[in-house]
Amino acid sequence: MKIELLAAAGRHPAAAPASLALQPITLCIETGEHVAVIGPSGAGKTTLLHLMACALTPAAGSLKLNTRDPWALSKSALQQLRGDLFLAPQVPPLPPRQRVVTSVLAGQLPQMGFWTSLRSLFYPVDIPAAQRALAQFDLADKLFERVDRLSGGERQRVGLARGLVSHSKLWLIDEPLSALDPARAIQAIETLTGNARARGITLVATLHHVQMALAHFPRIIGLKNGELAFDLPTALVTPERLKDLYAQHLDELT
C-alpha cells in the first residue's frame, strides 16, 4: 500500500486547537517499502503512525492511501480500507481473560463475517494459523494460555503475531521492542521484516532502538519537536545527524 502525506498535521483528540503534536509533514512511502521512524520522546512518532492508520483525522493537509483520501470515502468504504491496515500499539489491547489463540486470531476479524467472528470467540476458526504465527516468536506453547498469565514481553509478541495472521497490506508498528530483551528484539524485528518482505507488505515502524532501526530498515525518517528532521536512506544517517536529532535527549540514543 502506498502512503502519501501532503502537509499533513496531527493533533491529539483532547489537545487545544492550536496545539499540534505533528507539524505539517510531506512524504511518500511506496508500496512494499520498509521505513523506520525515530526521534526523541514527544517527537510526534505515534501521531504520525495514527494518521497513517486513519485513527486520526489530519488537522491540516491530507493523507492518501493508494491514491485515495480515506476521509472522503463513505463509512463502509473507510471501514473496508481499514481492514487492509494493521496497527500494533506499543501496549497491545489484549483482553486479560482471553486465550492467546483468540487474541492472535483477532488479527483476522476485518475479513470475517459477523457470525464467523462471533463463533471464533468460543471456537477459534483457524488454530493452525495462530500456532504458526506464535511459533515465529517462540510462543507456540502459549497457544491456549490466558493473556493475563503472560509476561509483558510475551504479550507484546502476541500483539505482533496478530499481524502475521492478518491479511493487511500495511503494517504500522509502534515501538514493538519496548518490552523485549536484546535477543527477543532481534528475533521480533527479523520476523516482522522477513514476513513483510515475503508478502510485499508496506511496513512503517517507530523505534526507540536507533541501532535496530539502522540495522534492519533501508530508510529512516527522523522526527524532532513534531517536525521532519530528515528522511534518508540508512547509509546517509550519520552519527552527527543522530546527535543533532537527539540533542536534548542523548540518553535515548541507543
C-alpha atoms as a PDB file:
ATOM      1  CA  MET A   1       0.000   0.000   0.000  1.00  0.00           C
ATOM      2  CA  LYS A   2       1.290   3.433  -0.932  1.00  0.00           C
ATOM      3  CA  ILE A   3       1.189   6.259   1.638  1.00  0.00           C
ATOM      4  CA  GLU A   4       1.217   9.942   0.699  1.00  0.00           C
ATOM      5  CA  LEU A   5       1.093  12.812   3.162  1.00  0.00           C
ATOM      6  CA  LEU A   6       0.856  16.359   1.859  1.00  0.00           C
ATOM      7  CA  ALA A   7       1.468  18.999   4.548  1.00  0.00           C
ATOM      8  CA  ALA A   8      -0.401  16.679   6.937  1.00  0.00           C
ATOM      9  CA  ALA A   9      -0.501  17.730  10.579  1.00  0.00           C
ATOM     10  CA  GLY A  10      -1.740  15.803  13.600  1.00  0.00           C
ATOM     11  CA  ARG A  11      -3.323  16.765  16.900  1.00  0.00           C
ATOM     12  CA  HIS A  12      -4.252  14.616  19.879  1.00  0.00           C
ATOM     13  CA  PRO A  13      -8.080  14.495  20.166  1.00  0.00           C
ATOM     14  CA  ALA A  14      -8.069  16.128  23.623  1.00  0.00           C
ATOM     15  CA  ALA A  15      -5.493  18.816  22.736  1.00  0.00           C
ATOM     16  CA  ALA A  16      -6.241  22.501  22.230  1.00  0.00           C
ATOM     17  CA  PRO A  17      -6.966  23.508  18.612  1.00  0.00           C
ATOM     18  CA  ALA A  18      -3.673  25.384  18.312  1.00  0.00           C
ATOM     19  CA  SER A  19      -1.627  22.503  19.721  1.00  0.00           C
ATOM     20  CA  LEU A  20      -0.152  20.170  17.095  1.00  0.00           C
ATOM     21  CA  ALA A  21       1.712  17.007  18.083  1.00  0.00           C
ATOM     22  CA  LEU A  22       2.873  16.732  14.470  1.00  0.00           C
ATOM     23  CA  GLN A  23       3.608  19.800  12.373  1.00  0.00           C
ATOM     24  CA  PRO A  24       2.731  19.724   8.640  1.00  0.00           C
ATOM     25  CA  ILE A  25       4.758  16.960   7.015  1.00  0.00           C
ATOM     26  CA  THR A  26       5.063  15.877   3.396  1.00  0.00           C
ATOM     27  CA  LEU A  27       6.366  12.453   2.449  1.00  0.00           C
ATOM     28  CA  CYS A  28       5.666   9.439   0.249  1.00  0.00           C
ATOM     29  CA  ILE A  29       6.167   5.773   1.105  1.00  0.00           C
ATOM     30  CA  GLU A  30       5.868   3.401  -1.824  1.00  0.00           C
ATOM     31  CA  THR A  31       4.139   0.028  -1.755  1.00  0.00           C
ATOM     32  CA  GLY A  32       6.360  -2.590  -0.153  1.00  0.00           C
ATOM     33  CA  GLU A  33       8.813  -0.120   1.398  1.00  0.00           C
ATOM     34  CA  HIS A  34      10.123  -0.643   4.927  1.00  0.00           C
ATOM     35  CA  VAL A  35      10.630   2.561   6.901  1.00  0.00           C
ATOM     36  CA  ALA A  36      11.703   3.190  10.487  1.00  0.00           C
ATOM     37  CA  VAL A  37      10.622   6.382  12.267  1.00  0.00           C
ATOM     38  CA  ILE A  38      12.982   7.546  15.004  1.00  0.00           C
ATOM     39  CA  GLY A  39      13.298  10.561  17.280  1.00  0.00           C
ATOM     40  CA  PRO A  40      13.201  11.505  20.963  1.00  0.00           C
ATOM     41  CA  SER A  41      10.149  11.118  23.167  1.00  0.00           C
ATOM     42  CA  GLY A  42       7.399  13.554  22.221  1.00  0.00           C
ATOM     43  CA  ALA A  43       8.691  13.956  18.654  1.00  0.00           C
ATOM     44  CA  GLY A  44       5.336  13.004  17.079  1.00  0.00           C
ATOM     45  CA  LYS A  45       6.162   9.428  16.054  1.00  0.00           C
ATOM     46  CA  THR A  46       2.963   7.819  17.366  1.00  0.00           C
ATOM     47  CA  THR A  47       0.834  10.658  15.991  1.00  0.00           C
ATOM     48  CA  LEU A  48       2.347  10.103  12.542  1.00  0.00           C
ATOM     49  CA  LEU A  49       1.531   6.402  12.762  1.00  0.00           C
ATOM     50  CA  HIS A  50      -2.054   7.114  13.826  1.00  0.00           C
ATOM     51  CA  LEU A  51      -2.523   9.477  10.898  1.00  0.00           C
ATOM     52  CA  MET A  52      -1.374   6.737   8.519  1.00  0.00           C
ATOM     53  CA  ALA A  53      -3.719   4.262  10.234  1.00  0.00           C
ATOM     54  CA  CYS A  54      -6.754   6.534   9.761  1.00  0.00           C
ATOM     55  CA  ALA A  55      -7.081   6.628  13.540  1.00  0.00           C
ATOM     56  CA  LEU A  56      -6.687  10.426  13.481  1.00  0.00           C
ATOM     57  CA  THR A  57      -8.111  12.888  11.003  1.00  0.00           C
ATOM     58  CA  PRO A  58      -5.409  15.261   9.712  1.00  0.00           C
ATOM     59  CA  ALA A  59      -5.619  18.621  11.487  1.00  0.00           C
ATOM     60  CA  ALA A  60      -4.303  20.139   8.257  1.00  0.00           C
ATOM     61  CA  GLY A  61      -3.180  18.870   4.876  1.00  0.00           C
ATOM     62  CA  SER A  62      -4.114  15.456   3.531  1.00  0.00           C
ATOM     63  CA  LEU A  63      -3.405  11.740   3.610  1.00  0.00           C
ATOM     64  CA  LYS A  64      -3.797   9.353   0.691  1.00  0.00           C
ATOM     65  CA  LEU A  65      -3.588   5.577   0.788  1.00  0.00           C
ATOM     66  CA  ASN A  66      -3.234   4.024  -2.656  1.00  0.00           C
ATOM     67  CA  THR A  67      -4.163   7.459  -4.109  1.00  0.00           C
ATOM     68  CA  ARG A  68      -7.456   7.566  -2.139  1.00  0.00           C
ATOM     69  CA  ASP A  69      -8.304  10.079   0.571  1.00  0.00           C
ATOM     70  CA  PRO A  70      -9.719   7.891   3.383  1.00  0.00           C
ATOM     71  CA  TRP A  71     -11.733  10.745   4.823  1.00  0.00           C
ATOM     72  CA  ALA A  72     -13.506  11.359   1.515  1.00  0.00           C
ATOM     73  CA  LEU A  73     -14.803   7.770   1.423  1.00  0.00           C
ATOM     74  CA  SER A  74     -18.175   6.545   2.578  1.00  0.00           C
ATOM     75  CA  LYS A  75     -18.353   4.987   6.036  1.00  0.00           C
ATOM     76  CA  SER A  76     -18.465   1.459   4.608  1.00  0.00           C
ATOM     77  CA  ALA A  77     -15.585   2.132   2.184  1.00  0.00           C
ATOM     78  CA  LEU A  78     -13.487   3.591   5.019  1.00  0.00           C
ATOM     79  CA  GLN A  79     -14.192   0.521   7.141  1.00  0.00           C
ATOM     80  CA  GLN A  80     -13.140  -1.707   4.252  1.00  0.00           C
ATOM     81  CA  LEU A  81      -9.930   0.290   3.795  1.00  0.00           C
ATOM     82  CA  ARG A  82      -9.131  -0.010   7.500  1.00  0.00           C
ATOM     83  CA  GLY A  83      -9.373  -3.768   7.044  1.00  0.00           C
ATOM     84  CA  ASP A  84      -6.242  -3.524   4.892  1.00  0.00           C
ATOM     85  CA  LEU A  85      -4.318  -1.807   7.721  1.00  0.00           C
ATOM     86  CA  PHE A  86      -2.743  -3.382  10.780  1.00  0.00           C
ATOM     87  CA  LEU A  87      -1.862  -1.035  13.638  1.00  0.00           C
ATOM     88  CA  ALA A  88       0.089  -2.526  16.537  1.00  0.00           C
ATOM     89  CA  PRO A  89       0.151  -0.159  19.552  1.00  0.00           C
ATOM     90  CA  GLN A  90       3.124  -0.240  21.892  1.00  0.00           C
ATOM     91  CA  VAL A  91       0.861  -1.816  24.532  1.00  0.00           C
ATOM     92  CA  PRO A  92      -1.353  -4.301  22.672  1.00  0.00           C
ATOM     93  CA  PRO A  93      -5.038  -4.170  23.659  1.00  0.00           C
ATOM     94  CA  LEU A  94      -5.361  -7.809  24.734  1.00  0.00           C
ATOM     95  CA  PRO A  95      -8.311  -8.724  26.986  1.00  0.00           C
ATOM     96  CA  PRO A  96      -6.672 -10.233  30.100  1.00  0.00           C
ATOM     97  CA  ARG A  97      -9.015 -13.212  30.471  1.00  0.00           C
ATOM     98  CA  GLN A  98      -8.900 -14.114  26.791  1.00  0.00           C
ATOM     99  CA  ARG A  99      -6.987 -17.113  25.448  1.00  0.00           C
ATOM    100  CA  VAL A 100      -3.880 -16.341  23.419  1.00  0.00           C
ATOM    101  CA  VAL A 101      -5.247 -18.145  20.358  1.00  0.00           C
ATOM    102  CA  THR A 102      -8.317 -15.894  20.337  1.00  0.00           C
ATOM    103  CA  SER A 103      -6.211 -12.765  20.792  1.00  0.00           C
ATOM    104  CA  VAL A 104      -3.985 -13.694  17.855  1.00  0.00           C
ATOM    105  CA  LEU A 105      -6.875 -14.557  15.555  1.00  0.00           C
ATOM    106  CA  ALA A 106      -8.370 -11.111  16.250  1.00  0.00           C
ATOM    107  CA  GLY A 107      -5.966 -10.056  13.504  1.00  0.00           C
ATOM    108  CA  GLN A 108      -8.350 -11.728  11.041  1.00  0.00           C
ATOM    109  CA  LEU A 109     -11.516 -10.016  12.311  1.00  0.00           C
ATOM    110  CA  PRO A 110     -11.695  -7.417   9.493  1.00  0.00           C
ATOM    111  CA  GLN A 111     -12.009 -10.251   6.969  1.00  0.00           C
ATOM    112  CA  MET A 112     -14.520 -12.302   8.986  1.00  0.00           C
ATOM    113  CA  GLY A 113     -18.249 -12.026   8.743  1.00  0.00           C
ATOM    114  CA  PHE A 114     -20.232 -11.240  11.877  1.00  0.00           C
ATOM    115  CA  TRP A 115     -21.276 -14.810  12.671  1.00  0.00           C
ATOM    116  CA  THR A 116     -17.813 -16.223  11.956  1.00  0.00           C
ATOM    117  CA  SER A 117     -16.180 -13.670  14.244  1.00  0.00           C
ATOM    118  CA  LEU A 118     -18.723 -14.382  16.987  1.00  0.00           C
ATOM    119  CA  ARG A 119     -18.209 -18.142  16.685  1.00  0.00           C
ATOM    120  CA  SER A 120     -14.437 -17.691  16.766  1.00  0.00           C
ATOM    121  CA  LEU A 121     -14.672 -16.177  20.249  1.00  0.00           C
ATOM    122  CA  PHE A 122     -15.761 -19.593  21.528  1.00  0.00           C
ATOM    123  CA  TYR A 123     -14.346 -21.956  18.894  1.00  0.00           C
ATOM    124  CA  PRO A 124     -11.277 -20.410  17.196  1.00  0.00           C
ATOM    125  CA  VAL A 125     -11.662 -20.827  13.448  1.00  0.00           C
ATOM    126  CA  ASP A 126      -8.026 -21.078  12.361  1.00  0.00           C
ATOM    127  CA  ILE A 127      -5.957 -22.532  15.171  1.00  0.00           C
ATOM    128  CA  PRO A 128      -3.103 -23.671  12.855  1.00  0.00           C
ATOM    129  CA  ALA A 129      -2.588 -20.091  11.597  1.00  0.00           C
ATOM    130  CA  ALA A 130      -2.357 -18.779  15.159  1.00  0.00           C
ATOM    131  CA  GLN A 131       0.079 -21.529  16.116  1.00  0.00           C
ATOM    132  CA  ARG A 132       2.322 -20.839  13.100  1.00  0.00           C
ATOM    133  CA  ALA A 133       2.379 -17.132  13.899  1.00  0.00           C
ATOM    134  CA  LEU A 134       3.177 -17.726  17.563  1.00  0.00           C
ATOM    135  CA  ALA A 135       5.908 -20.224  16.656  1.00  0.00           C
ATOM    136  CA  GLN A 136       7.793 -17.468  14.841  1.00  0.00           C
ATOM    137  CA  PHE A 137       8.020 -15.638  18.173  1.00  0.00           C
ATOM    138  CA  ASP A 138       8.776 -18.820  20.173  1.00  0.00           C
ATOM    139  CA  LEU A 139       5.328 -18.728  21.758  1.00  0.00           C
ATOM    140  CA  ALA A 140       3.643 -21.783  20.231  1.00  0.00           C
ATOM    141  CA  ASP A 141       3.411 -23.380  23.685  1.00  0.00           C
ATOM    142  CA  LYS A 142       1.314 -20.432  24.905  1.00  0.00           C
ATOM    143  CA  LEU A 143      -1.494 -21.068  22.383  1.00  0.00           C
ATOM    144  CA  PHE A 144      -4.192 -21.814  24.963  1.00  0.00           C
ATOM    145  CA  GLU A 145      -2.791 -19.770  27.865  1.00  0.00           C
ATOM    146  CA  ARG A 146      -4.777 -16.864  29.251  1.00  0.00           C
ATOM    147  CA  VAL A 147      -3.349 -13.483  28.336  1.00  0.00           C
ATOM    148  CA  ASP A 148      -3.112 -12.345  31.963  1.00  0.00           C
ATOM    149  CA  ARG A 149      -0.667 -15.176  32.663  1.00  0.00           C
ATOM    150  CA  LEU A 150       1.862 -13.874  30.153  1.00  0.00           C
ATOM    151  CA  SER A 151       4.800 -11.583  30.826  1.00  0.00           C
ATOM    152  CA  GLY A 152       4.880  -8.093  29.317  1.00  0.00           C
ATOM    153  CA  GLY A 153       7.289  -9.219  26.614  1.00  0.00           C
ATOM    154  CA  GLU A 154       5.117 -12.229  25.757  1.00  0.00           C
ATOM    155  CA  ARG A 155       2.033 -10.019  25.456  1.00  0.00           C
ATOM    156  CA  GLN A 156       3.925  -7.687  23.152  1.00  0.00           C
ATOM    157  CA  ARG A 157       4.903 -10.600  20.902  1.00  0.00           C
ATOM    158  CA  VAL A 158       1.310 -11.898  20.891  1.00  0.00           C
ATOM    159  CA  GLY A 159       0.254  -8.450  19.662  1.00  0.00           C
ATOM    160  CA  LEU A 160       2.790  -8.692  16.837  1.00  0.00           C
ATOM    161  CA  ALA A 161       1.631 -12.215  15.949  1.00  0.00           C
ATOM    162  CA  ARG A 162      -1.754 -10.707  15.122  1.00  0.00           C
ATOM    163  CA  GLY A 163      -0.130  -9.004  12.154  1.00  0.00           C
ATOM    164  CA  LEU A 164       1.185 -12.293  10.800  1.00  0.00           C
ATOM    165  CA  VAL A 165      -2.316 -13.824  10.622  1.00  0.00           C
ATOM    166  CA  SER A 166      -3.935 -10.685   9.213  1.00  0.00           C
ATOM    167  CA  HIS A 167      -4.477 -10.071   5.524  1.00  0.00           C
ATOM    168  CA  SER A 168      -3.303  -6.463   5.805  1.00  0.00           C
ATOM    169  CA  LYS A 169      -1.314  -4.655   3.133  1.00  0.00           C
ATOM    170  CA  LEU A 170       0.115  -2.045   5.503  1.00  0.00           C
ATOM    171  CA  TRP A 171       1.687  -2.727   8.895  1.00  0.00           C
ATOM    172  CA  LEU A 172       2.049   0.209  11.274  1.00  0.00           C
ATOM    173  CA  ILE A 173       4.024  -0.919  14.302  1.00  0.00           C
ATOM    174  CA  ASP A 174       4.527   1.360  17.309  1.00  0.00           C
ATOM    175  CA  GLU A 175       7.616   0.619  19.438  1.00  0.00           C
ATOM    176  CA  PRO A 176       7.494  -3.184  19.007  1.00  0.00           C
ATOM    177  CA  LEU A 177      10.642  -3.823  21.064  1.00  0.00           C
ATOM    178  CA  SER A 178       9.993  -1.815  24.224  1.00  0.00           C
ATOM    179  CA  ALA A 179       9.340  -4.855  26.470  1.00  0.00           C
ATOM    180  CA  LEU A 180      11.826  -7.252  24.842  1.00  0.00           C
ATOM    181  CA  ASP A 181      15.351  -8.232  25.777  1.00  0.00           C
ATOM    182  CA  PRO A 182      18.035  -7.821  23.065  1.00  0.00           C
ATOM    183  CA  ALA A 183      17.774 -11.380  21.718  1.00  0.00           C
ATOM    184  CA  ARG A 184      13.967 -11.284  21.540  1.00  0.00           C
ATOM    185  CA  ALA A 185      14.111  -7.806  19.989  1.00  0.00           C
ATOM    186  CA  ILE A 186      16.270  -9.064  17.122  1.00  0.00           C
ATOM    187  CA  GLN A 187      14.015 -12.081  16.644  1.00  0.00           C
ATOM    188  CA  ALA A 188      10.901  -9.873  16.593  1.00  0.00           C
ATOM    189  CA  ILE A 189      12.229  -7.318  14.116  1.00  0.00           C
ATOM    190  CA  GLU A 190      13.614 -10.011  11.800  1.00  0.00           C
ATOM    191  CA  THR A 191      10.277 -11.841  11.914  1.00  0.00           C
ATOM    192  CA  LEU A 192       8.350  -8.673  11.071  1.00  0.00           C
ATOM    193  CA  THR A 193      10.644  -7.510   8.266  1.00  0.00           C
ATOM    194  CA  GLY A 194      11.039 -11.006   6.829  1.00  0.00           C
ATOM    195  CA  ASN A 195       7.305 -11.648   6.638  1.00  0.00           C
ATOM    196  CA  ALA A 196       6.562  -8.171   5.303  1.00  0.00           C
ATOM    197  CA  ARG A 197       9.218  -8.595   2.604  1.00  0.00           C
ATOM    198  CA  ALA A 198       7.919 -12.017   1.565  1.00  0.00           C
ATOM    199  CA  ARG A 199       4.336 -10.751   1.303  1.00  0.00           C
ATOM    200  CA  GLY A 200       5.075  -7.348  -0.253  1.00  0.00           C
ATOM    201  CA  ILE A 201       3.629  -5.519   2.746  1.00  0.00           C
ATOM    202  CA  THR A 202       4.421  -1.868   3.407  1.00  0.00           C
ATOM    203  CA  LEU A 203       5.977  -1.631   6.876  1.00  0.00           C
ATOM    204  CA  VAL A 204       6.353   1.518   8.968  1.00  0.00           C
ATOM    205  CA  ALA A 205       7.707   1.089  12.493  1.00  0.00           C
ATOM    206  CA  THR A 206       8.507   3.629  15.183  1.00  0.00           C
ATOM    207  CA  LEU A 207      11.584   2.640  17.162  1.00  0.00           C
ATOM    208  CA  HIS A 208      13.420   3.935  20.219  1.00  0.00           C
ATOM    209  CA  HIS A 209      16.182   1.439  19.428  1.00  0.00           C
ATOM    210  CA  VAL A 210      18.134   3.510  16.909  1.00  0.00           C
ATOM    211  CA  GLN A 211      20.734   0.849  16.165  1.00  0.00           C
ATOM    212  CA  MET A 212      17.994  -1.680  15.422  1.00  0.00           C
ATOM    213  CA  ALA A 213      16.429   0.779  13.006  1.00  0.00           C
ATOM    214  CA  LEU A 214      19.754   1.311  11.236  1.00  0.00           C
ATOM    215  CA  ALA A 215      20.440  -2.420  11.055  1.00  0.00           C
ATOM    216  CA  HIS A 216      17.065  -3.568   9.708  1.00  0.00           C
ATOM    217  CA  PHE A 217      15.487  -0.729   7.712  1.00  0.00           C
ATOM    218  CA  PRO A 218      16.712   0.763   4.420  1.00  0.00           C
ATOM    219  CA  ARG A 219      15.029   4.135   5.024  1.00  0.00           C
ATOM    220  CA  ILE A 220      14.921   6.253   8.163  1.00  0.00           C
ATOM    221  CA  ILE A 221      12.603   9.140   8.991  1.00  0.00           C
ATOM    222  CA  GLY A 222      13.759  11.376  11.851  1.00  0.00           C
ATOM    223  CA  LEU A 223      11.236  13.477  13.789  1.00  0.00           C
ATOM    224  CA  LYS A 224      12.072  16.203  16.286  1.00  0.00           C
ATOM    225  CA  ASN A 225       9.638  18.505  18.103  1.00  0.00           C
ATOM    226  CA  GLY A 226       6.859  17.364  15.786  1.00  0.00           C
ATOM    227  CA  GLU A 227       8.787  18.303  12.648  1.00  0.00           C
ATOM    228  CA  LEU A 228      10.509  16.302   9.940  1.00  0.00           C
ATOM    229  CA  ALA A 229      14.236  16.469  10.692  1.00  0.00           C
ATOM    230  CA  PHE A 230      15.311  14.160   7.866  1.00  0.00           C
ATOM    231  CA  ASP A 231      14.087  11.428   5.513  1.00  0.00           C
ATOM    232  CA  LEU A 232      17.094   9.491   4.243  1.00  0.00           C
ATOM    233  CA  PRO A 233      18.470   6.146   3.104  1.00  0.00           C
ATOM    234  CA  THR A 234      20.023   4.467   6.125  1.00  0.00           C
ATOM    235  CA  ALA A 235      23.548   4.820   4.723  1.00  0.00           C
ATOM    236  CA  LEU A 236      23.229   8.624   4.930  1.00  0.00           C
ATOM    237  CA  VAL A 237      22.098   8.721   8.568  1.00  0.00           C
ATOM    238  CA  THR A 238      25.413   9.726  10.114  1.00  0.00           C
ATOM    239  CA  PRO A 239      26.332   9.878  13.830  1.00  0.00           C
ATOM    240  CA  GLU A 240      26.318  13.681  13.511  1.00  0.00           C
ATOM    241  CA  ARG A 241      22.711  13.659  12.269  1.00  0.00           C
ATOM    242  CA  LEU A 242      21.698  11.392  15.116  1.00  0.00           C
ATOM    243  CA  LYS A 243      23.367  13.582  17.733  1.00  0.00           C
ATOM    244  CA  ASP A 244      21.540  16.588  16.345  1.00  0.00           C
ATOM    245  CA  LEU A 245      18.236  14.706  16.328  1.00  0.00           C
ATOM    246  CA  TYR A 246      18.652  13.667  19.959  1.00  0.00           C
ATOM    247  CA  ALA A 247      20.489  16.815  21.073  1.00  0.00           C
ATOM    248  CA  GLN A 248      18.459  17.279  24.274  1.00  0.00           C
ATOM    249  CA  HIS A 249      17.847  13.548  24.766  1.00  0.00           C
ATOM    250  CA  LEU A 250      21.200  11.850  24.252  1.00  0.00           C
ATOM    251  CA  ASP A 251      20.257   9.263  26.896  1.00  0.00           C
ATOM    252  CA  GLU A 252      17.688   7.923  24.384  1.00  0.00           C
ATOM    253  CA  LEU A 253      20.263   7.447  21.633  1.00  0.00           C
ATOM    254  CA  THR A 254      20.774   3.680  21.887  1.00  0.00           C
END
